[in-house]
Protein backbone atom coordinates (compact mmCIF):
# COMPACT_ATOMS: atom_id res chain seq x y z
CA MET A 1 -0.36 0.36 -0.29
CA GLU A 2 1.90 3.43 -0.95
CA LEU A 3 0.90 6.71 0.63
CA ARG A 4 -0.05 8.26 -2.52
CA HIS A 5 -2.60 5.74 -2.75
CA LEU A 6 -3.80 6.97 0.74
CA GLN A 7 -3.34 10.08 -0.55
CA HIS A 8 -5.46 9.64 -3.77
CA PHE A 9 -8.20 8.23 -1.56
CA VAL A 10 -8.74 10.43 0.99
CA ALA A 11 -8.85 13.68 -1.62
CA VAL A 12 -11.65 11.68 -3.89
CA ALA A 13 -13.22 10.97 -0.40
CA GLU A 14 -13.64 14.88 0.44
CA ASP A 15 -14.81 16.13 -2.66
CA GLN A 16 -17.22 13.14 -3.66
CA HIS A 17 -16.06 13.49 -7.34
CA PHE A 18 -12.99 12.33 -9.07
CA THR A 19 -12.81 15.37 -11.53
CA ARG A 20 -12.63 17.63 -8.59
CA ALA A 21 -9.95 15.45 -6.90
CA ALA A 22 -7.88 14.93 -9.24
CA GLU A 23 -7.78 18.99 -9.92
CA ARG A 24 -6.85 19.74 -6.49
CA LEU A 25 -4.38 17.45 -6.19
CA MET A 26 -2.58 17.88 -9.62
CA VAL A 27 -3.15 14.51 -11.77
CA SER A 28 -4.59 13.12 -14.39
CA GLN A 29 -8.53 12.04 -13.94
CA SER A 30 -7.08 8.09 -14.90
CA GLY A 31 -4.08 8.20 -13.14
CA LEU A 32 -6.35 8.88 -10.22
CA SER A 33 -8.95 5.69 -11.14
CA ALA A 34 -6.10 3.45 -11.84
CA SER A 35 -4.72 4.61 -8.33
CA ILE A 36 -8.24 3.90 -6.27
CA ARG A 37 -8.77 0.53 -8.44
CA ALA A 38 -5.19 -0.18 -7.37
CA LEU A 39 -6.01 0.25 -3.87
CA GLU A 40 -9.13 -1.73 -3.98
CA ARG A 41 -7.55 -4.39 -5.47
CA GLU A 42 -5.26 -4.58 -2.72
CA LEU A 43 -7.91 -4.59 -0.02
CA GLN A 44 -10.37 -6.58 -1.56
CA ALA A 45 -13.51 -4.09 -1.40
CA PRO A 46 -14.89 -1.94 -3.11
CA LEU A 47 -14.00 1.59 -1.41
CA PHE A 48 -16.93 3.79 -3.59
CA VAL A 49 -20.16 3.74 -5.44
CA ARG A 50 -19.64 5.15 -8.28
CA THR A 51 -22.80 7.41 -9.96
CA THR A 52 -23.02 9.76 -12.96
CA ARG A 53 -22.63 13.11 -10.05
CA ARG A 54 -20.88 11.56 -7.11
CA VAL A 55 -19.35 8.93 -5.24
CA THR A 56 -19.87 7.97 -2.08
CA LEU A 57 -18.16 5.58 0.36
CA THR A 58 -18.99 2.52 1.17
CA GLU A 59 -18.73 0.56 4.78
CA ALA A 60 -15.36 -0.69 3.22
CA GLY A 61 -14.44 2.43 2.28
CA ARG A 62 -15.97 4.71 5.94
CA ALA A 63 -13.80 1.93 7.75
CA LEU A 64 -10.61 2.88 5.89
CA LEU A 65 -10.75 6.67 5.91
CA THR A 66 -10.57 6.88 9.29
CA GLU A 67 -7.44 4.96 9.15
CA ALA A 68 -5.84 6.43 6.53
CA GLU A 69 -5.93 10.19 7.45
CA ARG A 70 -4.59 8.83 10.86
CA VAL A 71 -1.66 7.46 8.69
CA LEU A 72 -1.25 10.69 6.49
CA ALA A 73 -1.28 13.06 9.94
CA GLN A 74 1.73 10.66 11.54
CA VAL A 75 3.25 10.62 8.22
CA ARG A 76 3.03 14.90 8.11
CA ALA A 77 4.33 14.62 11.50
CA ALA A 78 7.34 12.37 11.35
CA ARG A 79 8.81 15.04 8.35
CA ASP A 80 7.90 18.28 10.20
CA ALA A 81 9.90 16.33 13.13
CA VAL A 82 12.78 15.68 11.22
CA ALA A 83 12.88 19.34 10.35
CA ALA A 84 12.04 20.72 13.73
CA VAL A 85 15.45 18.59 14.60
CA GLN A 86 17.35 20.05 11.89
CA GLY A 87 15.88 23.54 13.64
CA VAL A 88 13.73 24.03 11.10
CA LEU A 89 9.26 24.74 11.92
CA ARG A 90 7.76 24.54 8.66
CA GLY A 91 4.40 22.49 7.06
CA THR A 92 0.97 23.60 8.48
CA LEU A 93 -0.28 23.87 11.51
CA SER A 94 -4.37 22.97 11.56
CA VAL A 95 -6.18 24.23 14.27
CA GLY A 96 -10.31 23.94 15.78
CA THR A 97 -11.59 26.25 18.44
CA GLU A 98 -15.25 27.01 19.26
CA GLN A 99 -15.91 30.61 19.89
CA CYS A 100 -14.99 32.76 23.10
CA ILE A 101 -13.29 29.78 24.01
CA ALA A 102 -12.03 30.44 27.85
CA GLY A 103 -7.85 30.22 29.12
CA VAL A 104 -6.72 31.24 25.72
CA HIS A 105 -6.93 34.18 23.54
CA VAL A 106 -6.59 32.39 20.08
CA ALA A 107 -6.19 35.13 17.96
CA ARG A 108 -3.08 36.73 20.11
CA LEU A 109 -2.43 32.96 20.37
CA LEU A 110 -1.68 32.57 16.71
CA ALA A 111 -0.77 35.91 15.79
CA ALA A 112 2.07 35.29 18.51
CA PHE A 113 3.41 32.10 16.35
CA ARG A 114 3.43 33.42 13.15
CA ARG A 115 6.24 35.75 14.43
CA ARG A 116 7.83 33.16 15.86
CA HIS A 117 7.66 30.35 12.93
CA PRO A 118 6.57 32.78 9.38
CA ASP A 119 7.55 29.50 7.56
CA VAL A 120 4.82 27.45 9.09
CA GLU A 121 1.07 27.77 7.29
CA ILE A 122 -1.98 28.47 10.08
CA ARG A 123 -5.06 26.52 9.24
CA LEU A 124 -8.38 27.48 11.48
CA ARG A 125 -11.63 25.95 11.75
CA GLN A 126 -14.18 26.93 13.89
CA ALA A 127 -16.89 24.13 15.06
CA GLY A 128 -18.60 22.46 18.26
CA SER A 129 -16.70 20.81 20.52
CA GLY A 130 -17.37 17.18 19.37
CA ALA A 131 -16.81 18.03 15.90
CA LEU A 132 -12.99 19.46 17.20
CA ALA A 133 -12.61 16.31 19.20
CA GLU A 134 -13.71 13.88 16.47
CA GLU A 135 -11.16 15.98 13.80
CA VAL A 136 -8.47 15.80 15.99
CA ALA A 137 -8.96 11.78 16.96
CA ALA A 138 -8.99 11.44 13.28
CA GLY A 139 -5.66 13.41 12.21
CA ARG A 140 -7.46 16.19 10.29
CA LEU A 141 -6.52 18.70 13.34
CA ASP A 142 -3.46 19.24 14.76
CA LEU A 143 -4.89 20.38 18.05
CA ALA A 144 -8.70 22.29 19.47
CA PHE A 145 -9.57 24.82 21.73
CA ALA A 146 -12.86 23.10 23.26
CA VAL A 147 -14.95 22.25 25.97
CA ARG A 148 -13.95 19.06 27.49
CA THR A 149 -17.27 16.45 26.59
CA ARG A 150 -15.42 13.08 26.57
CA PRO A 151 -12.85 11.14 28.50
CA ASP A 152 -9.23 10.81 27.00
CA THR A 153 -8.74 7.64 24.63
CA ASP A 154 -5.69 6.36 22.74
CA GLN A 155 -6.06 8.90 20.28
CA LEU A 156 -7.32 11.94 22.12
CA ARG A 157 -6.05 13.60 25.25
CA SER A 158 -6.82 16.50 26.85
CA VAL A 159 -4.49 19.54 28.62
CA PRO A 160 -6.73 21.36 30.96
CA LEU A 161 -6.94 25.19 30.43
CA ALA A 162 -9.50 26.56 32.76
CA ALA A 163 -12.82 26.06 34.54
CA GLU A 164 -15.64 28.00 35.44
CA PRO A 165 -19.56 27.75 36.94
CA MET A 166 -22.08 28.33 34.64
CA THR A 167 -24.72 31.23 35.00
CA VAL A 168 -28.04 32.24 34.05
CA LEU A 169 -28.52 35.19 32.20
CA CYS A 170 -32.25 37.39 31.76
CA HIS A 171 -33.43 40.62 30.91
CA PRO A 172 -33.14 42.56 33.84
CA ALA A 173 -36.77 43.18 33.82
CA HIS A 174 -37.34 39.61 33.92
CA PRO A 175 -38.78 38.06 37.74
CA LEU A 176 -35.52 36.01 38.25
CA ALA A 177 -33.26 39.11 37.80
CA ALA A 178 -34.26 39.64 41.15
CA ALA A 179 -33.04 36.44 42.73
CA ALA A 180 -29.51 35.43 44.30
CA ALA A 181 -29.30 32.55 42.14
CA SER A 182 -31.24 29.62 40.00
CA ALA A 183 -31.76 26.14 40.23
CA PRO A 184 -32.69 23.65 36.76
CA GLU A 185 -35.90 22.75 38.74
CA GLU A 186 -36.90 26.61 38.92
CA LEU A 187 -35.87 27.28 35.01
CA GLY A 188 -38.27 24.29 33.86
CA GLU A 189 -41.15 26.64 32.57
CA GLU A 190 -38.93 29.49 30.79
CA ALA A 191 -38.10 29.92 26.98
CA PHE A 192 -34.03 29.39 26.35
CA VAL A 193 -32.01 30.67 24.17
CA ASP A 194 -28.74 28.31 23.05
CA PHE A 195 -26.35 27.46 20.89
CA HIS A 196 -26.73 24.36 18.62
CA PRO A 197 -26.48 21.00 20.31
CA ASP A 198 -22.42 20.50 19.27
CA TRP A 199 -21.60 23.24 21.70
CA GLY A 200 -19.54 23.28 24.65
CA PRO A 201 -21.60 25.04 26.58
CA ARG A 202 -24.78 23.54 25.33
CA ARG A 203 -23.45 20.20 26.21
CA VAL A 204 -22.83 21.31 29.72
CA THR A 205 -26.38 22.81 30.07
CA ASP A 206 -28.09 19.95 28.44
CA ALA A 207 -25.97 17.67 30.79
CA VAL A 208 -27.02 20.01 34.10
CA PHE A 209 -31.07 19.79 33.50
CA ALA A 210 -30.78 16.45 32.06
CA ALA A 211 -28.93 15.27 35.95
CA ALA A 212 -31.96 17.64 37.67
CA GLY A 213 -34.70 15.65 35.63
CA VAL A 214 -35.37 18.87 33.84
CA GLN A 215 -37.04 19.27 30.50
CA ARG A 216 -36.46 22.56 29.16
CA THR A 217 -37.47 24.31 25.85
CA VAL A 218 -34.40 25.85 23.32
CA ALA A 219 -36.79 27.65 21.84
CA LEU A 220 -33.89 30.04 20.13
CA GLU A 221 -31.08 28.66 18.52
CA VAL A 222 -28.22 30.15 17.33
CA GLY A 223 -24.55 29.91 16.62
CA ASP A 224 -22.94 32.66 17.84
CA VAL A 225 -22.41 34.45 21.20
CA HIS A 226 -23.64 37.91 20.33
CA SER A 227 -26.75 36.50 18.91
CA LEU A 228 -27.52 34.90 22.46
CA LEU A 229 -27.02 38.02 24.03
CA GLU A 230 -28.90 40.48 21.81
CA LEU A 231 -31.88 37.72 22.08
CA VAL A 232 -31.75 37.72 25.59
CA HIS A 233 -31.06 41.56 25.50
CA GLU A 234 -35.00 41.63 24.12
CA GLY A 235 -36.06 39.63 26.39
CA LEU A 236 -36.77 37.25 24.25
CA GLY A 237 -35.81 34.25 26.68
CA VAL A 238 -33.06 33.51 28.98
CA ALA A 239 -29.87 31.54 28.61
CA VAL A 240 -27.09 29.50 30.83
CA VAL A 241 -23.78 29.81 30.04
CA PRO A 242 -20.18 29.82 30.81
CA ARG A 243 -19.62 32.67 33.51
CA HIS A 244 -17.27 34.45 31.38
CA PHE A 245 -19.93 35.35 28.60
CA GLY A 246 -21.52 37.54 31.91
CA HIS A 247 -18.09 39.82 31.58
CA LYS A 248 -18.12 40.64 27.77
CA ARG A 249 -19.33 44.14 26.83
CA GLU A 250 -22.23 43.08 24.96
CA ALA A 251 -23.65 41.50 28.00
CA ALA A 252 -23.59 44.82 29.87
CA GLY A 253 -27.47 45.34 31.44
CA LEU A 254 -28.38 42.01 31.85
CA ALA A 255 -29.02 40.21 34.57
CA SER A 256 -26.25 37.56 35.53
CA LEU A 257 -27.05 34.77 38.75
CA PRO A 258 -25.50 31.68 39.28
CA LEU A 259 -26.91 28.55 38.72
CA LYS A 260 -27.55 26.44 41.70
CA GLY A 261 -25.93 22.73 41.61
CA THR A 262 -23.22 23.28 39.23
CA SER A 263 -19.83 22.81 40.42
CA GLU A 264 -16.87 25.55 39.83
CA THR A 265 -15.62 23.17 37.26
CA SER A 266 -18.80 22.25 35.57
CA TYR A 267 -17.63 24.14 32.31
CA GLU A 268 -13.99 23.19 31.86
CA THR A 269 -12.22 24.32 28.60
CA VAL A 270 -9.43 22.19 27.49
CA ALA A 271 -6.34 22.30 24.65
CA LEU A 272 -7.35 18.50 22.93
CA LEU A 273 -4.27 16.96 21.06
CA PRO A 274 -3.65 13.51 19.65
CA HIS A 275 -1.10 11.29 21.73
CA ALA A 276 2.07 13.00 22.12
CA ASP A 277 3.89 10.79 19.96
CA ALA A 278 1.79 11.56 17.25
CA THR A 279 1.73 15.49 18.06
CA SER A 280 3.29 17.68 15.69
CA PRO A 281 6.29 19.97 16.39
CA ALA A 282 3.81 23.08 15.66
CA ALA A 283 1.62 21.85 18.00
CA ARG A 284 4.51 21.19 20.61
CA GLU A 285 5.22 24.79 20.19
CA LEU A 286 1.96 26.28 20.28
CA MET A 287 1.09 24.73 23.29
CA ALA A 288 4.93 26.05 24.50
CA ALA A 289 3.43 29.20 24.63
CA LEU A 290 0.49 28.47 27.02
CA PRO A 291 2.18 28.63 30.17
CA HIS A 292 -0.50 27.82 32.78
CA ALA A 293 -1.43 24.70 30.00
CA GLY A 294 -1.68 21.41 32.05
CA ARG A 295 -2.03 23.55 35.39
CA PRO A 296 -5.32 22.89 37.72
CA ALA A 297 -7.28 25.40 35.70
CA ALA A 298 -8.63 28.43 37.76
CA SER A 299 -12.13 29.27 38.22
CA SER A 300 -11.49 33.14 39.35
CA PRO A 301 -13.35 35.44 36.54
CA PRO A 302 -11.44 36.16 33.52
CA ARG A 303 -9.66 38.93 33.27
CA PRO A 304 -11.15 41.65 30.78
CA GLY A 305 -11.17 40.46 27.03
CA HIS A 306 -9.69 37.07 28.28
CA GLY A 307 -11.03 34.09 26.16
CA ARG A 308 -12.12 35.62 23.22
CA GLY A 309 -11.13 34.40 20.11
């Protein structure tokens, strides 16, 4: 099995089209088709279902894709490691992040990294914590800043960055605004503004309410923090969010109260990385710029502006 066969296979799987994949790889379509057929003969299984419009993975193809991505990521890491030993940090650094993650200022961190290592191409993807964890485990991302949503595995490890409790945000005229705190049992009749189900804060909130046996209604589902805060400002619902969201300028004027029954570490942000042996030199260098990474997560309120990214 040759690396180029795996590279060709992954490209076709991503584009779901032989012509587009061939153009991206800058190879002939006939050569790409021959490469895929050679791989299928070696594995003795069809990898794609071909139609006139697109190609889709077979069950065997889906199984191979996960391993092929991991192998190619390890090959890239090996090449980068050799270059790093020679005193050159180059290649690509693929980073994932959720919005407004606590414990790291992503934009500032990446800008400082680029100044130190101008030969490294930086790629950034923003997504929910669940998707980011899968992409790091599959080797599509070098690391990601996310909310802890799963235990560590052989393919995925987490480095603590910060931890904080969840709070309730509501309009200042809302009856809850005068309360010192609120419990999930007291919020069951409220309409909620919340993020998409894959986002870390949504996952934490869903888990808290499920543990309390309270079913809630997410009436307004958004994909960014500013929209969430704007909708709460308009009195269209309440939100349960990490405490640092309430320190944002856009949250000024909203009532903020602790959510009872959540510990100081209910919302924990982490850096997600592959196994230490598979972590790229660029990812290790980026993590080295976070001196607090790996220490016990602090639960104190963040400094103004802390956690934006």
